[in-house]
Amino acid sequence: MLFFRLAMMLAGLLLGYSAGRVLAVSGAPETATLNTVSLMLAGMLTALLLAPRAEKSVGRFYAGGKGWYERLSPTTVAAATFGLIVALLVSVLLGSLLRALPIYSWLLSVIITVVLAAFFMTFAIRNADAFGALAFPQVRRKPGGKILDSNVIIDGRLVDLVRAGFIEGELIVPAFILRELQTLSDNADPQKRTRGKRGLTVLEQLREVRAIRIEDWDDPHLPTTDDKLIRLARETGAKLLTNDGNLRKVAKLHDLTVLSLHEAAVALKPQVQAGDNLTITITKSGQQSGQGVGYLEDGTMVVVEDGLKFRGKPTRVTVVNNVQTNVGRMIFAKLDREEVVA
């Protein structure tokens, strides 16, 4: 930051000049000019040496302040401003009443104003939903509303869930999500273009089943779509409906309610218990010698002991163990007595 270093050098020059003028009062007049120039140069060089360290400290402070500013909610700022206005009005009224007292002074007036400001601003921020709505009436809190992101729209399963009545409340599609789908549908990449067109088609199908509200809200200061979704959810009190695992984790850190279709699908998978019989087709070998691997219709991996010899054939197996891992469920099985199903 060249400007910052130049400012530091200018500050060093000014400090050196001030110190030189102070010494000129008590020192010899014939050396006053030389002393002043020397102190100015010393101050400038000292500032130049300290500039890199100061630049790092200022950079960290700036980054922290920027992050704090980006996390600020508009309703919180509006509520704090409202609380400060009330505090100033009340302090003026109290000042008029206390002016006749012998103990009254400007210092007492300042203390009263600071105490009132701290009280009313804190109270207003804690109730930002009510006070912030005075400045932002367009941001409405509708309990039960669900904000859709692009992933869950493109997924397509939402239409069937809404049609079956499992998704209640108002469905909200932010305008920036709609623009993102439109941009994808116009993309030169065939895969992205297909995803974008599928998302727009899903929205058309969804509108036939349930009314959709397009939220004409955006914040150009937020860099990513995920940041905008989190901010909008905080402002409206709505729930986030997504399949994005990273977005879900970040939203949870902001104390937001997140609904994941992927987690719901995993929870609804049929549970297989030890001793149950399954019929699967061995498609490949396992990690150990003789092991065969097949898959259920929902994609669950089934590892069959000594099942490789039946590769490519429908095989009846008995479940031995059912293990839940980070990547999903795994079923360990052994060959049934009947072995191959005709």
Protein backbone atom coordinates (compact mmCIF):
# COMPACT_ATOMS: atom_id res chain seq x y z
CA MET A 1 0.00 0.00 0.00
CA LEU A 2 2.03 2.92 -1.37
CA PHE A 3 -0.42 5.50 -0.10
CA PHE A 4 -0.16 4.14 3.46
CA ARG A 5 3.65 4.30 3.41
CA LEU A 6 3.62 7.83 2.03
CA ALA A 7 1.20 8.82 4.79
CA MET A 8 3.51 7.27 7.38
CA MET A 9 6.51 9.16 5.99
CA LEU A 10 4.52 12.42 6.00
CA ALA A 11 3.54 11.81 9.61
CA GLY A 12 7.21 11.23 10.47
CA LEU A 13 8.17 14.50 8.77
CA LEU A 14 5.51 16.41 10.71
CA LEU A 15 6.58 14.86 14.01
CA GLY A 16 10.20 15.71 13.28
CA TYR A 17 9.25 19.28 12.36
CA SER A 18 7.22 19.67 15.58
CA ALA A 19 10.09 18.33 17.68
CA GLY A 20 12.50 20.70 15.90
CA ARG A 21 10.29 23.72 16.65
CA VAL A 22 10.13 22.73 20.32
CA LEU A 23 13.94 22.47 20.50
CA ALA A 24 14.33 25.79 18.70
CA VAL A 25 12.67 27.60 21.60
CA SER A 26 15.26 26.43 24.14
CA GLY A 27 18.25 25.83 21.85
CA ALA A 28 20.68 28.00 19.95
CA PRO A 29 19.02 29.90 17.05
CA GLU A 30 21.93 29.24 14.68
CA THR A 31 21.39 25.44 14.88
CA ALA A 32 17.59 25.48 14.97
CA THR A 33 17.17 25.02 11.22
CA LEU A 34 19.74 22.21 11.02
CA ASN A 35 18.18 20.42 14.01
CA THR A 36 14.70 20.70 12.51
CA VAL A 37 15.81 19.29 9.14
CA SER A 38 17.70 16.46 10.87
CA LEU A 39 14.70 15.55 13.03
CA MET A 40 12.40 15.65 9.99
CA LEU A 41 14.68 13.27 8.08
CA ALA A 42 15.00 11.01 11.15
CA GLY A 43 11.23 10.95 11.55
CA MET A 44 10.68 10.17 7.87
CA LEU A 45 13.26 7.33 7.86
CA THR A 46 11.88 5.89 11.11
CA ALA A 47 8.39 5.89 9.63
CA LEU A 48 9.73 4.17 6.49
CA LEU A 49 11.31 1.42 8.62
CA LEU A 50 8.18 0.90 10.72
CA ALA A 51 5.77 1.11 7.76
CA PRO A 52 5.83 -2.66 6.83
CA ARG A 53 5.04 -3.74 10.39
CA ALA A 54 2.37 -1.08 10.75
CA GLU A 55 0.96 -2.04 7.35
CA LYS A 56 0.46 -5.66 8.47
CA SER A 57 -1.28 -4.56 11.66
CA VAL A 58 -3.52 -2.16 9.78
CA GLY A 59 -4.24 -4.87 7.18
CA ARG A 60 -5.37 -7.32 9.88
CA PHE A 61 -7.51 -4.63 11.49
CA TYR A 62 -9.01 -3.74 8.11
CA ALA A 63 -9.77 -7.38 7.30
CA GLY A 64 -11.44 -7.88 10.67
CA GLY A 65 -13.45 -4.69 10.29
CA LYS A 66 -14.50 -5.66 6.78
CA GLY A 67 -15.63 -9.09 7.94
CA TRP A 68 -17.60 -7.54 10.80
CA TYR A 69 -19.20 -5.06 8.43
CA GLU A 70 -20.21 -7.77 5.94
CA ARG A 71 -21.81 -9.78 8.74
CA LEU A 72 -23.87 -6.81 9.88
CA SER A 73 -27.55 -7.22 9.35
CA PRO A 74 -29.43 -4.19 7.91
CA THR A 75 -32.19 -4.66 10.45
CA THR A 76 -29.62 -4.70 13.26
CA VAL A 77 -28.13 -1.40 12.04
CA ALA A 78 -31.61 0.10 11.71
CA ALA A 79 -32.54 -1.09 15.19
CA ALA A 80 -29.32 0.33 16.72
CA THR A 81 -29.93 3.67 14.99
CA PHE A 82 -33.50 3.76 16.29
CA GLY A 83 -32.26 3.02 19.82
CA LEU A 84 -29.67 5.82 19.57
CA ILE A 85 -32.34 8.31 18.40
CA VAL A 86 -34.57 7.41 21.36
CA ALA A 87 -31.60 7.73 23.75
CA LEU A 88 -30.72 11.20 22.45
CA LEU A 89 -34.33 12.39 22.74
CA VAL A 90 -34.67 11.07 26.30
CA SER A 91 -31.32 12.59 27.31
CA VAL A 92 -32.45 16.00 26.07
CA LEU A 93 -35.65 15.74 28.13
CA LEU A 94 -33.76 14.61 31.25
CA GLY A 95 -31.19 17.37 30.73
CA SER A 96 -33.96 19.97 30.71
CA LEU A 97 -35.40 18.55 33.95
CA LEU A 98 -32.04 18.24 35.74
CA ARG A 99 -30.67 21.60 34.65
CA ALA A 100 -32.12 23.29 37.73
CA LEU A 101 -30.27 20.99 40.14
CA PRO A 102 -27.05 22.33 41.68
CA ILE A 103 -25.16 19.12 40.84
CA TYR A 104 -25.92 19.39 37.14
CA SER A 105 -22.96 19.84 34.78
CA TRP A 106 -22.05 19.05 31.19
CA LEU A 107 -20.15 15.96 32.41
CA LEU A 108 -23.30 14.61 34.05
CA SER A 109 -25.20 15.23 30.82
CA VAL A 110 -22.62 13.26 28.83
CA ILE A 111 -22.75 10.35 31.32
CA ILE A 112 -26.56 10.23 31.17
CA THR A 113 -26.47 10.25 27.36
CA VAL A 114 -23.90 7.40 27.21
CA VAL A 115 -25.89 5.28 29.71
CA LEU A 116 -29.15 5.83 27.84
CA ALA A 117 -27.51 5.10 24.49
CA ALA A 118 -26.04 1.84 25.79
CA PHE A 119 -29.41 0.77 27.22
CA PHE A 120 -31.65 1.66 24.30
CA MET A 121 -29.25 0.45 21.59
CA THR A 122 -28.75 -2.90 23.35
CA PHE A 123 -32.50 -3.31 23.81
CA ALA A 124 -33.22 -2.41 20.19
CA ILE A 125 -30.55 -4.79 18.85
CA ARG A 126 -31.93 -7.67 20.92
CA ASN A 127 -35.32 -6.96 19.35
CA ALA A 128 -33.96 -6.12 15.90
CA ASP A 129 -36.77 -8.00 14.16
CA ALA A 130 -39.36 -5.52 15.42
CA PHE A 131 -37.35 -2.28 15.29
CA GLY A 132 -35.52 -3.11 12.04
CA ALA A 133 -38.85 -3.60 10.27
CA LEU A 134 -39.47 0.15 10.69
CA ALA A 135 -36.70 0.87 8.17
CA PHE A 136 -36.99 -2.31 6.08
CA PRO A 137 -40.69 -3.16 5.83
CA GLN A 138 -40.02 -5.09 2.62
CA VAL A 139 -38.09 -7.74 4.57
CA ARG A 140 -40.86 -9.80 6.10
CA ARG A 141 -40.68 -12.58 8.61
CA LYS A 142 -43.06 -15.36 7.61
CA PRO A 143 -42.72 -18.42 9.82
CA GLY A 144 -42.63 -21.58 7.77
CA GLY A 145 -41.18 -19.95 4.66
CA LYS A 146 -38.45 -21.89 2.89
CA ILE A 147 -35.73 -20.35 0.73
CA LEU A 148 -34.66 -22.54 -2.18
CA ASP A 149 -31.11 -22.58 -3.49
CA SER A 150 -30.09 -23.57 -7.02
CA ASN A 151 -28.90 -27.08 -6.04
CA VAL A 152 -32.20 -28.17 -4.55
CA ILE A 153 -34.11 -26.68 -7.50
CA ILE A 154 -31.98 -28.49 -10.08
CA ASP A 155 -32.26 -31.71 -8.05
CA GLY A 156 -35.96 -31.93 -8.99
CA ARG A 157 -37.16 -34.15 -6.13
CA LEU A 158 -38.71 -31.12 -4.47
CA VAL A 159 -41.66 -31.16 -6.88
CA ASP A 160 -42.73 -34.66 -5.80
CA LEU A 161 -42.30 -33.80 -2.11
CA VAL A 162 -44.42 -30.66 -2.47
CA ARG A 163 -47.04 -32.56 -4.45
CA ALA A 164 -47.17 -35.21 -1.71
CA GLY A 165 -47.62 -32.53 0.96
CA PHE A 166 -44.35 -33.12 2.83
CA ILE A 167 -43.08 -29.56 2.25
CA GLU A 168 -45.26 -26.96 3.95
CA GLY A 169 -45.11 -23.19 4.10
CA GLU A 170 -44.24 -20.57 1.54
CA LEU A 171 -41.59 -21.38 -1.07
CA ILE A 172 -39.21 -18.45 -1.69
CA VAL A 173 -36.91 -18.17 -4.68
CA PRO A 174 -34.49 -15.21 -4.39
CA ALA A 175 -34.07 -13.14 -7.52
CA PHE A 176 -30.31 -13.77 -7.55
CA ILE A 177 -30.95 -17.55 -7.63
CA LEU A 178 -33.27 -17.06 -10.60
CA ARG A 179 -30.55 -15.05 -12.36
CA GLU A 180 -28.01 -17.78 -11.58
CA LEU A 181 -30.24 -20.40 -13.23
CA GLN A 182 -30.74 -18.15 -16.24
CA THR A 183 -26.98 -17.62 -16.54
CA LEU A 184 -26.42 -21.38 -16.39
CA SER A 185 -29.05 -22.03 -19.06
CA ASP A 186 -27.21 -19.60 -21.39
CA ASN A 187 -23.76 -21.03 -20.63
CA ALA A 188 -21.55 -22.33 -23.45
CA ASP A 189 -20.77 -25.48 -21.44
CA PRO A 190 -23.41 -28.12 -22.41
CA GLN A 191 -23.46 -29.65 -18.93
CA LYS A 192 -24.01 -26.29 -17.19
CA ARG A 193 -26.58 -25.29 -19.81
CA THR A 194 -28.50 -28.52 -19.17
CA ARG A 195 -28.47 -27.93 -15.41
CA GLY A 196 -29.72 -24.38 -15.82
CA LYS A 197 -32.56 -25.40 -18.16
CA ARG A 198 -33.52 -28.23 -15.80
CA GLY A 199 -33.71 -25.77 -12.89
CA LEU A 200 -36.01 -23.43 -14.82
CA THR A 201 -38.19 -26.37 -15.88
CA VAL A 202 -38.45 -27.56 -12.26
CA LEU A 203 -39.58 -24.08 -11.19
CA GLU A 204 -42.31 -24.15 -13.85
CA GLN A 205 -43.49 -27.54 -12.59
CA LEU A 206 -43.30 -26.36 -9.00
CA ARG A 207 -45.41 -23.28 -9.75
CA GLU A 208 -48.18 -25.56 -11.04
CA VAL A 209 -48.24 -27.37 -7.69
CA ARG A 210 -47.61 -24.52 -5.22
CA ALA A 211 -47.37 -20.75 -5.40
CA ILE A 212 -43.79 -19.47 -5.45
CA ARG A 213 -42.70 -16.04 -4.25
CA ILE A 214 -39.78 -14.41 -6.05
CA GLU A 215 -37.95 -12.37 -3.41
CA ASP A 216 -36.57 -9.29 -5.16
CA TRP A 217 -33.69 -8.89 -2.71
CA ASP A 218 -29.96 -8.68 -3.28
CA ASP A 219 -26.85 -7.32 -1.60
CA PRO A 220 -24.08 -6.47 -4.09
CA HIS A 221 -21.57 -6.14 -1.25
CA LEU A 222 -21.75 -9.88 -0.49
CA PRO A 223 -19.31 -11.82 -2.71
CA THR A 224 -20.99 -15.23 -3.02
CA THR A 225 -24.46 -16.67 -3.48
CA ASP A 226 -24.13 -18.64 -0.23
CA ASP A 227 -23.47 -15.42 1.72
CA LYS A 228 -26.57 -13.86 0.18
CA LEU A 229 -28.72 -16.89 1.04
CA ILE A 230 -27.55 -16.81 4.66
CA ARG A 231 -28.17 -13.05 4.93
CA LEU A 232 -31.65 -13.36 3.41
CA ALA A 233 -32.52 -16.23 5.75
CA ARG A 234 -31.40 -14.16 8.72
CA GLU A 235 -33.43 -11.18 7.57
CA THR A 236 -36.64 -13.07 6.83
CA GLY A 237 -36.47 -15.80 9.48
CA ALA A 238 -37.15 -18.38 6.77
CA LYS A 239 -35.56 -21.83 6.58
CA LEU A 240 -32.96 -22.79 4.00
CA LEU A 241 -33.82 -25.73 1.75
CA THR A 242 -30.63 -27.03 0.13
CA ASN A 243 -28.56 -30.05 -0.88
CA ASP A 244 -25.25 -28.18 -0.47
CA GLY A 245 -23.37 -29.70 2.46
CA ASN A 246 -20.98 -26.77 2.91
CA LEU A 247 -23.82 -24.24 2.86
CA ARG A 248 -25.65 -26.31 5.47
CA LYS A 249 -22.62 -26.27 7.79
CA VAL A 250 -22.07 -22.51 7.48
CA ALA A 251 -25.78 -21.78 7.94
CA LYS A 252 -25.80 -23.92 11.09
CA LEU A 253 -22.98 -21.77 12.49
CA HIS A 254 -25.27 -18.77 11.99
CA ASP A 255 -28.00 -20.56 14.01
CA LEU A 256 -30.22 -20.94 10.94
CA THR A 257 -32.63 -23.80 10.35
CA VAL A 258 -31.53 -25.82 7.33
CA LEU A 259 -33.50 -28.57 5.58
CA SER A 260 -31.46 -30.98 3.45
CA LEU A 261 -33.19 -33.24 0.94
CA HIS A 262 -30.08 -35.42 0.84
CA GLU A 263 -30.20 -36.02 4.61
CA ALA A 264 -33.91 -36.76 4.36
CA ALA A 265 -33.29 -39.29 1.60
CA VAL A 266 -30.58 -41.00 3.65
CA ALA A 267 -32.87 -41.13 6.69
CA LEU A 268 -35.67 -42.69 4.64
CA LYS A 269 -33.53 -45.48 3.20
CA PRO A 270 -34.86 -48.88 4.27
CA GLN A 271 -32.86 -50.34 7.12
CA VAL A 272 -31.46 -53.83 6.58
CA GLN A 273 -30.95 -55.97 9.64
CA ALA A 274 -28.65 -58.94 10.24
CA GLY A 275 -30.32 -62.15 9.10
CA ASP A 276 -32.36 -60.52 6.32
CA ASN A 277 -32.17 -62.08 2.88
CA LEU A 278 -31.38 -60.00 -0.20
CA THR A 279 -31.10 -60.71 -3.90
CA ILE A 280 -28.34 -58.76 -5.60
CA THR A 281 -26.16 -58.98 -8.69
CA ILE A 282 -22.42 -59.20 -8.03
CA THR A 283 -20.80 -56.60 -10.30
CA LYS A 284 -17.14 -56.50 -9.23
CA SER A 285 -14.53 -57.91 -6.87
CA GLY A 286 -13.95 -56.68 -3.32
CA GLN A 287 -10.76 -55.74 -1.55
CA GLN A 288 -10.16 -59.23 -0.18
CA SER A 289 -9.71 -62.40 -2.18
CA GLY A 290 -12.98 -63.95 -3.32
CA GLN A 291 -15.14 -61.08 -2.17
CA GLY A 292 -17.90 -59.88 -4.48
CA VAL A 293 -19.52 -56.46 -4.46
CA GLY A 294 -23.05 -55.59 -5.52
CA TYR A 295 -25.39 -52.65 -5.01
CA LEU A 296 -28.99 -52.22 -3.88
CA GLU A 297 -31.36 -50.07 -5.91
CA ASP A 298 -30.69 -47.06 -3.65
CA GLY A 299 -26.93 -47.36 -4.24
CA THR A 300 -26.01 -49.08 -0.95
CA MET A 301 -22.88 -51.24 -1.32
CA VAL A 302 -23.18 -54.91 -0.41
CA VAL A 303 -19.95 -56.86 0.19
CA VAL A 304 -20.50 -60.63 -0.19
CA GLU A 305 -17.99 -63.11 1.22
CA ASP A 306 -16.92 -65.66 -1.44
CA GLY A 307 -19.36 -64.02 -3.84
CA LEU A 308 -16.98 -63.24 -6.72
CA LYS A 309 -17.64 -66.63 -8.34
CA PHE A 310 -21.24 -65.54 -8.95
CA ARG A 311 -20.24 -62.32 -10.71
CA GLY A 312 -22.90 -61.10 -13.11
CA LYS A 313 -25.61 -63.40 -11.70
CA PRO A 314 -28.56 -62.62 -9.40
CA THR A 315 -27.45 -64.08 -6.08
CA ARG A 316 -29.33 -64.61 -2.84
CA VAL A 317 -27.36 -63.50 0.21
CA THR A 318 -27.89 -63.23 3.96
CA VAL A 319 -27.02 -59.99 5.77
CA VAL A 320 -24.32 -60.38 8.40
CA ASN A 321 -23.68 -56.77 9.39
CA ASN A 322 -24.91 -53.27 8.54
CA VAL A 323 -22.33 -50.47 8.97
CA GLN A 324 -22.93 -46.71 8.70
CA THR A 325 -19.84 -44.82 7.43
CA ASN A 326 -19.10 -41.20 6.56
CA VAL A 327 -19.79 -41.89 2.88
CA GLY A 328 -22.94 -43.95 3.45
CA ARG A 329 -24.13 -47.41 4.48
CA MET A 330 -22.26 -50.65 3.78
CA ILE A 331 -23.79 -54.09 4.10
CA PHE A 332 -21.70 -57.21 4.69
CA ALA A 333 -23.32 -60.47 3.67
CA LYS A 334 -22.63 -64.15 3.01
CA LEU A 335 -24.03 -66.50 0.41
CA ASP A 336 -27.40 -67.99 1.18
CA ARG A 337 -27.80 -71.73 1.07
CA GLU A 338 -29.76 -71.49 -2.14
CA GLU A 339 -26.90 -69.33 -3.52
CA VAL A 340 -27.85 -68.49 -7.10
CA VAL A 341 -31.39 -67.49 -7.88
CA ALA A 342 -32.58 -68.83 -11.21
